[in-house]
C-alpha atoms as a PDB file:
ATOM      1  CA  UNK A   1     134.218 162.806  47.573  1.00  0.00           C
ATOM      2  CA  UNK A   2     130.524 162.790  47.363  1.00  0.00           C
ATOM      3  CA  UNK A   3     128.622 165.770  48.652  1.00  0.00           C
ATOM      4  CA  UNK A   4     126.346 163.342  50.737  1.00  0.00           C
ATOM      5  CA  UNK A   5     129.329 162.009  52.569  1.00  0.00           C
ATOM      6  CA  UNK A   6     130.754 165.463  53.118  1.00  0.00           C
ATOM      7  CA  UNK A   7     127.397 166.514  54.783  1.00  0.00           C
ATOM      8  CA  UNK A   8     127.383 163.471  56.936  1.00  0.00           C
ATOM      9  CA  UNK A   9     130.972 164.024  58.157  1.00  0.00           C
ATOM     10  CA  UNK A  10     130.091 167.733  58.924  1.00  0.00           C
ATOM     11  CA  UNK A  11     126.976 166.657  60.911  1.00  0.00           C
ATOM     12  CA  UNK A  12     129.033 164.132  62.879  1.00  0.00           C
ATOM     13  CA  UNK A  13     131.690 166.821  63.702  1.00  0.00           C
ATOM     14  CA  UNK A  14     129.028 169.259  64.764  1.00  0.00           C
ATOM     15  CA  UNK A  15     127.377 166.729  67.102  1.00  0.00           C
ATOM     16  CA  UNK A  16     130.635 165.646  68.658  1.00  0.00           C
ATOM     17  CA  UNK A  17     131.824 169.251  69.178  1.00  0.00           C
ATOM     18  CA  UNK A  18     128.501 169.916  70.911  1.00  0.00           C
ATOM     19  CA  UNK A  19     128.989 166.899  73.110  1.00  0.00           C
ATOM     20  CA  UNK A  20     132.447 167.885  74.019  1.00  0.00           C
ATOM     21  CA  UNK A  21     131.291 171.450  74.965  1.00  0.00           C
ATOM     22  CA  UNK A  22     128.556 170.058  77.220  1.00  0.00           C
ATOM     23  CA  UNK A  23     130.993 167.492  78.896  1.00  0.00           C
ATOM     24  CA  UNK A  24     133.441 170.384  79.630  1.00  0.00           C
ATOM     25  CA  UNK A  25     136.145 168.783  77.368  1.00  0.00           C
ATOM     26  CA  UNK A  26     136.260 171.937  75.385  1.00  0.00           C
ATOM     27  CA  UNK A  27     136.587 174.819  77.784  1.00  0.00           C
ATOM     28  CA  UNK A  28     136.351 178.557  76.952  1.00  0.00           C
ATOM     29  CA  UNK A  29     135.515 181.039  79.740  1.00  0.00           C
ATOM     30  CA  UNK A  30     133.826 183.231  77.248  1.00  0.00           C
ATOM     31  CA  UNK A  31     131.300 180.562  76.337  1.00  0.00           C
ATOM     32  CA  UNK A  32     128.790 178.797  78.620  1.00  0.00           C
ATOM     33  CA  UNK A  33     127.247 175.367  78.164  1.00  0.00           C
ATOM     34  CA  UNK A  34     124.111 176.680  76.553  1.00  0.00           C
ATOM     35  CA  UNK A  35     125.902 176.918  73.207  1.00  0.00           C
ATOM     36  CA  UNK A  36     124.602 175.642  69.941  1.00  0.00           C
ATOM     37  CA  UNK A  37     126.912 174.586  67.126  1.00  0.00           C
ATOM     38  CA  UNK A  38     124.838 175.387  63.958  1.00  0.00           C
ATOM     39  CA  UNK A  39     127.271 174.767  61.159  1.00  0.00           C
ATOM     40  CA  UNK A  40     130.502 173.118  60.320  1.00  0.00           C
ATOM     41  CA  UNK A  41     132.355 173.543  57.135  1.00  0.00           C
ATOM     42  CA  UNK A  42     134.354 170.678  55.632  1.00  0.00           C
ATOM     43  CA  UNK A  43     136.547 170.818  52.686  1.00  0.00           C
ATOM     44  CA  UNK A  44     135.650 168.579  49.716  1.00  0.00           C
ATOM     45  CA  UNK A  45     138.672 166.342  50.229  1.00  0.00           C
ATOM     46  CA  UNK A  46     138.416 166.387  54.058  1.00  0.00           C
ATOM     47  CA  UNK A  47     142.216 166.812  54.318  1.00  0.00           C
ATOM     48  CA  UNK A  48     142.317 170.305  55.900  1.00  0.00           C
END
C-alpha cells in the first residue's frame, strides 16, 4: 500500500476519533472533551 494512502487513512481516523470524543460517543471519565488526537499509527497493510 502506498505511503500516501496510509497517511490519508491515518488522518481520517484521527479526525473521526476526535469527532467521536467531542460528541460523547467515546466516553472515558479520565479524559475531558478538550482532548487533541495528535497521531494515529496505521500498519502498512491496514489489516491490524
